[in-house]
C-alpha atoms as a PDB file:
ATOM      1  CA  MET A   1      16.181  52.802  52.991  1.00  0.00           C
ATOM      2  CA  ILE A   2      13.252  51.586  50.920  1.00  0.00           C
ATOM      3  CA  GLN A   3      11.118  48.506  51.593  1.00  0.00           C
ATOM      4  CA  ALA A   4      12.693  45.056  51.207  1.00  0.00           C
ATOM      5  CA  VAL A   5      10.398  42.393  49.725  1.00  0.00           C
ATOM      6  CA  ILE A   6      11.496  38.750  49.956  1.00  0.00           C
ATOM      7  CA  LEU A   7      10.051  35.997  47.760  1.00  0.00           C
ATOM      8  CA  ALA A   8       9.746  33.092  50.193  1.00  0.00           C
ATOM      9  CA  GLY A   9       6.734  31.156  48.960  1.00  0.00           C
ATOM     10  CA  GLY A  10       8.287  28.528  46.716  1.00  0.00           C
ATOM     11  CA  LEU A  11       7.821  24.793  47.183  1.00  0.00           C
ATOM     12  CA  GLY A  12      11.573  24.128  47.290  1.00  0.00           C
ATOM     13  CA  THR A  13      11.312  21.100  45.014  1.00  0.00           C
ATOM     14  CA  ARG A  14      15.069  20.987  44.393  1.00  0.00           C
ATOM     15  CA  MET A  15      15.658  20.456  48.119  1.00  0.00           C
ATOM     16  CA  ARG A  16      13.224  17.621  48.735  1.00  0.00           C
ATOM     17  CA  PRO A  17      12.759  15.665  50.931  1.00  0.00           C
ATOM     18  CA  HIS A  18      13.933  18.375  53.374  1.00  0.00           C
ATOM     19  CA  THR A  19      11.305  20.847  52.162  1.00  0.00           C
ATOM     20  CA  GLU A  20       8.406  18.454  52.515  1.00  0.00           C
ATOM     21  CA  THR A  21       8.031  19.465  56.159  1.00  0.00           C
ATOM     22  CA  ILE A  22       9.726  22.890  56.376  1.00  0.00           C
ATOM     23  CA  PRO A  23       9.849  25.822  53.939  1.00  0.00           C
ATOM     24  CA  LYS A  24      13.096  26.350  52.038  1.00  0.00           C
ATOM     25  CA  ALA A  25      13.789  29.645  53.804  1.00  0.00           C
ATOM     26  CA  MET A  26      13.889  27.766  57.123  1.00  0.00           C
ATOM     27  CA  LEU A  27      16.577  25.273  56.072  1.00  0.00           C
ATOM     28  CA  LEU A  28      19.535  25.496  58.421  1.00  0.00           C
ATOM     29  CA  VAL A  29      22.724  27.212  57.310  1.00  0.00           C
ATOM     30  CA  ARG A  30      25.509  27.121  59.886  1.00  0.00           C
ATOM     31  CA  GLY A  31      22.947  26.002  62.460  1.00  0.00           C
ATOM     32  CA  ARG A  32      20.446  28.826  61.821  1.00  0.00           C
ATOM     33  CA  PRO A  33      17.512  29.196  59.400  1.00  0.00           C
ATOM     34  CA  PHE A  34      18.660  30.733  56.125  1.00  0.00           C
ATOM     35  CA  ILE A  35      16.080  33.524  56.389  1.00  0.00           C
ATOM     36  CA  GLU A  36      17.890  34.816  59.500  1.00  0.00           C
ATOM     37  CA  HIS A  37      21.110  35.264  57.536  1.00  0.00           C
ATOM     38  CA  GLN A  38      19.195  37.102  54.825  1.00  0.00           C
ATOM     39  CA  ILE A  39      17.349  39.413  57.233  1.00  0.00           C
ATOM     40  CA  GLU A  40      20.571  40.227  59.072  1.00  0.00           C
ATOM     41  CA  LEU A  41      22.477  40.979  55.849  1.00  0.00           C
ATOM     42  CA  LEU A  42      19.762  43.323  54.605  1.00  0.00           C
ATOM     43  CA  SER A  43      19.308  44.908  58.024  1.00  0.00           C
ATOM     44  CA  ALA A  44      23.041  45.675  58.161  1.00  0.00           C
ATOM     45  CA  ALA A  45      22.633  47.328  54.744  1.00  0.00           C
ATOM     46  CA  GLY A  46      20.040  49.692  56.218  1.00  0.00           C
ATOM     47  CA  PHE A  47      16.698  48.028  55.478  1.00  0.00           C
ATOM     48  CA  ARG A  48      14.144  48.287  58.269  1.00  0.00           C
ATOM     49  CA  ARG A  49      10.782  47.497  56.618  1.00  0.00           C
ATOM     50  CA  PHE A  50      10.366  43.957  55.299  1.00  0.00           C
ATOM     51  CA  LEU A  51       7.525  42.246  53.480  1.00  0.00           C
ATOM     52  CA  LEU A  52       7.783  38.469  53.129  1.00  0.00           C
ATOM     53  CA  LEU A  53       5.770  36.824  50.363  1.00  0.00           C
ATOM     54  CA  VAL A  54       5.095  33.387  51.793  1.00  0.00           C
ATOM     55  CA  GLY A  55       3.146  30.329  50.737  1.00  0.00           C
ATOM     56  CA  TRP A  56       4.108  26.702  51.357  1.00  0.00           C
ATOM     57  CA  LEU A  57       4.405  26.270  55.157  1.00  0.00           C
ATOM     58  CA  GLY A  58       4.800  30.027  55.464  1.00  0.00           C
ATOM     59  CA  GLU A  59       3.354  30.014  58.954  1.00  0.00           C
ATOM     60  CA  GLN A  60       6.622  28.429  60.137  1.00  0.00           C
ATOM     61  CA  ILE A  61       8.529  31.462  58.863  1.00  0.00           C
ATOM     62  CA  GLU A  62       6.161  33.892  60.581  1.00  0.00           C
ATOM     63  CA  GLU A  63       6.228  31.894  63.805  1.00  0.00           C
ATOM     64  CA  HIS A  64      10.044  32.026  63.807  1.00  0.00           C
ATOM     65  CA  LEU A  65      10.596  35.650  62.779  1.00  0.00           C
ATOM     66  CA  GLY A  66       7.484  37.213  64.268  1.00  0.00           C
ATOM     67  CA  ASP A  67       7.199  40.946  63.718  1.00  0.00           C
ATOM     68  CA  GLY A  68      10.981  41.284  63.374  1.00  0.00           C
ATOM     69  CA  ALA A  69      11.470  43.168  66.637  1.00  0.00           C
ATOM     70  CA  ARG A  70      14.285  40.920  67.841  1.00  0.00           C
ATOM     71  CA  PHE A  71      16.173  41.724  64.637  1.00  0.00           C
ATOM     72  CA  GLY A  72      15.541  45.452  64.972  1.00  0.00           C
ATOM     73  CA  VAL A  73      13.255  45.536  61.918  1.00  0.00           C
ATOM     74  CA  GLU A  74       9.556  45.464  61.031  1.00  0.00           C
ATOM     75  CA  ILE A  75       8.317  42.356  59.206  1.00  0.00           C
ATOM     76  CA  ARG A  76       4.937  41.919  57.539  1.00  0.00           C
ATOM     77  CA  TYR A  77       3.643  38.892  55.632  1.00  0.00           C
ATOM     78  CA  SER A  78       1.607  38.298  52.487  1.00  0.00           C
ATOM     79  CA  TYR A  79       0.244  34.759  52.106  1.00  0.00           C
ATOM     80  CA  GLU A  80      -0.456  33.113  48.746  1.00  0.00           C
ATOM     81  CA  PRO A  81      -3.767  31.202  48.844  1.00  0.00           C
ATOM     82  CA  THR A  82      -2.320  28.849  46.199  1.00  0.00           C
ATOM     83  CA  PRO A  83       1.105  28.791  44.474  1.00  0.00           C
ATOM     84  CA  LEU A  84       1.151  31.965  42.365  1.00  0.00           C
ATOM     85  CA  GLY A  85       4.704  32.177  41.033  1.00  0.00           C
ATOM     86  CA  THR A  86       6.978  35.191  41.359  1.00  0.00           C
ATOM     87  CA  GLY A  87       4.668  37.567  39.539  1.00  0.00           C
ATOM     88  CA  GLY A  88       1.455  36.303  41.080  1.00  0.00           C
ATOM     89  CA  ALA A  89       2.902  36.613  44.574  1.00  0.00           C
ATOM     90  CA  LEU A  90       3.762  40.266  43.910  1.00  0.00           C
ATOM     91  CA  ARG A  91       0.308  41.010  42.503  1.00  0.00           C
ATOM     92  CA  ASN A  92      -1.287  39.298  45.499  1.00  0.00           C
ATOM     93  CA  ALA A  93       0.669  41.645  47.796  1.00  0.00           C
ATOM     94  CA  ALA A  94       0.030  44.792  45.737  1.00  0.00           C
ATOM     95  CA  ASP A  95      -1.702  46.702  48.539  1.00  0.00           C
ATOM     96  CA  MET A  96       1.277  46.163  50.849  1.00  0.00           C
ATOM     97  CA  LEU A  97       3.989  47.346  48.443  1.00  0.00           C
ATOM     98  CA  GLU A  98       5.628  50.749  48.771  1.00  0.00           C
ATOM     99  CA  PRO A  99       6.195  53.051  45.736  1.00  0.00           C
ATOM    100  CA  GLN A 100       9.716  51.623  45.306  1.00  0.00           C
ATOM    101  CA  PHE A 101      11.102  48.423  46.782  1.00  0.00           C
ATOM    102  CA  VAL A 102      13.973  45.975  46.590  1.00  0.00           C
ATOM    103  CA  LEU A 103      12.875  42.476  45.569  1.00  0.00           C
ATOM    104  CA  VAL A 104      15.068  39.634  46.825  1.00  0.00           C
ATOM    105  CA  ASN A 105      14.848  35.929  46.052  1.00  0.00           C
ATOM    106  CA  GLY A 106      14.206  33.939  49.201  1.00  0.00           C
ATOM    107  CA  ASP A 107      16.911  31.399  48.422  1.00  0.00           C
ATOM    108  CA  THR A 108      19.861  33.604  47.419  1.00  0.00           C
ATOM    109  CA  LEU A 109      22.344  35.664  49.391  1.00  0.00           C
ATOM    110  CA  LEU A 110      24.136  38.608  47.778  1.00  0.00           C
ATOM    111  CA  ASP A 111      26.392  40.930  49.765  1.00  0.00           C
ATOM    112  CA  ILE A 112      26.557  44.227  47.849  1.00  0.00           C
ATOM    113  CA  ASP A 113      26.268  47.957  48.524  1.00  0.00           C
ATOM    114  CA  TYR A 114      22.471  48.175  48.588  1.00  0.00           C
ATOM    115  CA  ALA A 115      22.409  51.913  49.244  1.00  0.00           C
ATOM    116  CA  ALA A 116      24.412  52.467  46.050  1.00  0.00           C
ATOM    117  CA  LEU A 117      22.079  50.125  44.172  1.00  0.00           C
ATOM    118  CA  VAL A 118      19.020  52.117  45.237  1.00  0.00           C
ATOM    119  CA  ARG A 119      20.696  55.387  44.226  1.00  0.00           C
ATOM    120  CA  GLN A 120      21.312  53.990  40.735  1.00  0.00           C
ATOM    121  CA  ALA A 121      17.768  52.644  40.356  1.00  0.00           C
ATOM    122  CA  THR A 122      16.006  55.666  38.897  1.00  0.00           C
ATOM    123  CA  GLY A 123      13.771  53.802  36.440  1.00  0.00           C
ATOM    124  CA  LEU A 124      11.001  51.213  36.622  1.00  0.00           C
ATOM    125  CA  PHE A 125      13.135  48.093  36.933  1.00  0.00           C
ATOM    126  CA  HIS A 126      16.804  47.486  37.749  1.00  0.00           C
ATOM    127  CA  VAL A 127      18.133  43.957  38.169  1.00  0.00           C
ATOM    128  CA  VAL A 128      21.482  43.063  39.675  1.00  0.00           C
ATOM    129  CA  ALA A 129      23.404  40.935  37.176  1.00  0.00           C
ATOM    130  CA  ALA A 130      26.588  38.913  37.498  1.00  0.00           C
ATOM    131  CA  PRO A 131      28.912  37.956  34.615  1.00  0.00           C
ATOM    132  CA  ALA A 132      28.216  34.422  33.370  1.00  0.00           C
ATOM    133  CA  GLY A 133      30.248  33.850  30.224  1.00  0.00           C
ATOM    134  CA  ARG A 134      27.888  32.437  27.596  1.00  0.00           C
ATOM    135  CA  SER A 135      25.532  30.609  29.942  1.00  0.00           C
ATOM    136  CA  GLY A 136      23.617  33.452  31.571  1.00  0.00           C
ATOM    137  CA  ASN A 137      19.890  34.098  31.370  1.00  0.00           C
ATOM    138  CA  LEU A 138      20.356  37.838  30.708  1.00  0.00           C
ATOM    139  CA  ARG A 139      21.773  39.748  27.772  1.00  0.00           C
ATOM    140  CA  VAL A 140      22.964  43.186  28.836  1.00  0.00           C
ATOM    141  CA  ALA A 141      24.094  45.980  26.499  1.00  0.00           C
ATOM    142  CA  ASP A 142      27.205  48.044  27.242  1.00  0.00           C
ATOM    143  CA  ASP A 143      25.032  50.891  28.572  1.00  0.00           C
ATOM    144  CA  GLY A 144      23.300  48.583  31.074  1.00  0.00           C
ATOM    145  CA  LEU A 145      20.081  48.103  29.130  1.00  0.00           C
ATOM    146  CA  VAL A 146      18.691  44.564  29.414  1.00  0.00           C
ATOM    147  CA  VAL A 147      18.095  43.432  25.840  1.00  0.00           C
ATOM    148  CA  GLY A 148      17.208  39.769  26.341  1.00  0.00           C
ATOM    149  CA  TYR A 149      16.105  37.147  28.849  1.00  0.00           C
ATOM    150  CA  SER A 150      15.880  33.386  28.452  1.00  0.00           C
ATOM    151  CA  LYS A 151      15.393  30.915  31.260  1.00  0.00           C
ATOM    152  CA  ARG A 152      14.895  27.882  29.046  1.00  0.00           C
ATOM    153  CA  ALA A 153      17.822  28.438  26.663  1.00  0.00           C
ATOM    154  CA  PRO A 154      20.368  30.587  28.539  1.00  0.00           C
ATOM    155  CA  SER A 155      22.968  32.070  26.227  1.00  0.00           C
ATOM    156  CA  GLY A 156      23.515  35.571  27.578  1.00  0.00           C
ATOM    157  CA  GLY A 157      26.629  37.007  29.131  1.00  0.00           C
ATOM    158  CA  HIS A 158      25.058  37.728  32.522  1.00  0.00           C
ATOM    159  CA  VAL A 159      22.859  36.004  35.070  1.00  0.00           C
ATOM    160  CA  ASP A 160      20.170  37.391  37.343  1.00  0.00           C
ATOM    161  CA  ALA A 161      21.743  37.573  40.815  1.00  0.00           C
ATOM    162  CA  GLY A 162      18.453  37.390  42.710  1.00  0.00           C
ATOM    163  CA  VAL A 163      18.021  41.094  43.547  1.00  0.00           C
ATOM    164  CA  ALA A 164      16.092  43.834  41.728  1.00  0.00           C
ATOM    165  CA  VAL A 165      14.716  47.304  42.433  1.00  0.00           C
ATOM    166  CA  LEU A 166      11.180  47.944  41.190  1.00  0.00           C
ATOM    167  CA  ARG A 167       8.732  50.805  41.017  1.00  0.00           C
ATOM    168  CA  ARG A 168       5.228  49.931  42.194  1.00  0.00           C
ATOM    169  CA  GLU A 169       3.867  50.635  38.683  1.00  0.00           C
ATOM    170  CA  VAL A 170       5.541  47.464  37.408  1.00  0.00           C
ATOM    171  CA  VAL A 171       3.134  45.366  39.473  1.00  0.00           C
ATOM    172  CA  ASP A 172       0.243  46.708  37.374  1.00  0.00           C
ATOM    173  CA  LEU A 173       1.669  44.737  34.429  1.00  0.00           C
ATOM    174  CA  ILE A 174       1.078  41.463  36.269  1.00  0.00           C
ATOM    175  CA  PRO A 175      -2.238  39.775  35.410  1.00  0.00           C
ATOM    176  CA  PRO A 176      -4.424  39.448  38.520  1.00  0.00           C
ATOM    177  CA  GLY A 177      -6.042  36.326  39.881  1.00  0.00           C
ATOM    178  CA  ARG A 178      -3.711  33.679  38.507  1.00  0.00           C
ATOM    179  CA  ALA A 179      -0.207  32.259  38.732  1.00  0.00           C
ATOM    180  CA  CYS A 180       2.386  34.262  36.825  1.00  0.00           C
ATOM    181  CA  SER A 181       6.129  34.095  36.333  1.00  0.00           C
ATOM    182  CA  PHE A 182       7.512  37.627  36.551  1.00  0.00           C
ATOM    183  CA  GLU A 183      10.628  36.619  34.643  1.00  0.00           C
ATOM    184  CA  GLU A 184       8.801  34.969  31.756  1.00  0.00           C
ATOM    185  CA  GLU A 185       5.702  37.156  31.427  1.00  0.00           C
ATOM    186  CA  VAL A 186       6.511  40.632  32.758  1.00  0.00           C
ATOM    187  CA  LEU A 187      10.246  41.067  32.228  1.00  0.00           C
ATOM    188  CA  PRO A 188       9.899  40.579  28.430  1.00  0.00           C
ATOM    189  CA  GLN A 189       7.428  43.488  28.381  1.00  0.00           C
ATOM    190  CA  LEU A 190       9.909  45.713  30.205  1.00  0.00           C
ATOM    191  CA  ILE A 191      12.681  44.648  27.842  1.00  0.00           C
ATOM    192  CA  ALA A 192      10.529  45.366  24.796  1.00  0.00           C
ATOM    193  CA  THR A 193       9.808  48.901  26.013  1.00  0.00           C
ATOM    194  CA  ARG A 194      13.446  49.493  27.032  1.00  0.00           C
ATOM    195  CA  GLN A 195      12.533  49.885  30.696  1.00  0.00           C
ATOM    196  CA  ALA A 196      14.663  47.064  32.136  1.00  0.00           C
ATOM    197  CA  ARG A 197      18.184  47.927  33.178  1.00  0.00           C
ATOM    198  CA  ALA A 198      20.966  45.967  34.881  1.00  0.00           C
ATOM    199  CA  VAL A 199      23.484  46.897  37.538  1.00  0.00           C
ATOM    200  CA  VAL A 200      26.443  44.576  37.053  1.00  0.00           C
ATOM    201  CA  THR A 201      28.227  43.271  40.146  1.00  0.00           C
ATOM    202  CA  GLY A 202      31.394  41.295  40.638  1.00  0.00           C
ATOM    203  CA  ALA A 203      30.182  39.998  44.000  1.00  0.00           C
ATOM    204  CA  THR A 204      29.487  36.286  44.344  1.00  0.00           C
ATOM    205  CA  PHE A 205      25.870  35.375  44.959  1.00  0.00           C
ATOM    206  CA  PHE A 206      24.910  32.154  46.644  1.00  0.00           C
ATOM    207  CA  ASP A 207      21.853  30.089  45.721  1.00  0.00           C
ATOM    208  CA  MET A 208      20.989  27.776  48.604  1.00  0.00           C
ATOM    209  CA  GLY A 209      18.107  26.218  46.667  1.00  0.00           C
ATOM    210  CA  THR A 210      20.220  23.189  45.701  1.00  0.00           C
ATOM    211  CA  PRO A 211      22.350  20.887  47.862  1.00  0.00           C
ATOM    212  CA  ALA A 212      25.531  22.107  46.142  1.00  0.00           C
ATOM    213  CA  GLY A 213      24.543  25.735  46.573  1.00  0.00           C
ATOM    214  CA  LEU A 214      23.723  25.207  50.235  1.00  0.00           C
ATOM    215  CA  ALA A 215      27.139  23.617  50.784  1.00  0.00           C
ATOM    216  CA  ALA A 216      28.878  26.534  49.044  1.00  0.00           C
ATOM    217  CA  LEU A 217      27.025  29.033  51.248  1.00  0.00           C
ATOM    218  CA  GLU A 218      27.936  27.060  54.369  1.00  0.00           C
ATOM    219  CA  ALA A 219      31.607  27.204  53.342  1.00  0.00           C
ATOM    220  CA  HIS A 220      31.351  30.952  52.624  1.00  0.00           C
ATOM    221  CA  LEU A 221      29.890  31.705  56.049  1.00  0.00           C
ATOM    222  CA  ALA A 222      32.345  29.465  57.920  1.00  0.00           C
END
């Protein structure tokens, strides 16, 4: 299986005051840090090499997970010197990225067939999308081509489910040395050149970055 890269450097503002002293990925879910559930899910799917992009209080994550040996995996860490956003964090870790990798949000859990996802991901960028009626942030054509993205005024039929497969070349599109939102600055470029595709899933994804989402995940794992 290819490298798994987890975005775990956010400030967790939606979960304050809990995240004022611990990073969001370390919030407890069923009595264990969320990041453990995520590592175990991905490990069961076949991933063995992990890169965690950490920032705010990231040393707590590294202290807890270590090198991953007790989970049967290898974990490395890339630290943001300052908050860099999703794109900036990737660019900051460029030298540690493999030619192809799965990118996973550090606050979502999605149980899908990851091996099948990787087999389908033959292009530069494939995002996993879930149906969302008229309130999604993605517009996906019938052939799977992503034709629109809007975070500020969502009106698409699908929503980003927090997982994507990228080729290393995509990182070269990210401006170096500054904060950058991958979704708002890089994804539109991929859409414009018809290089962004979606793999639609019917699986439920859980966002534990809000109190309601955390409660829903707790109920799911009960």
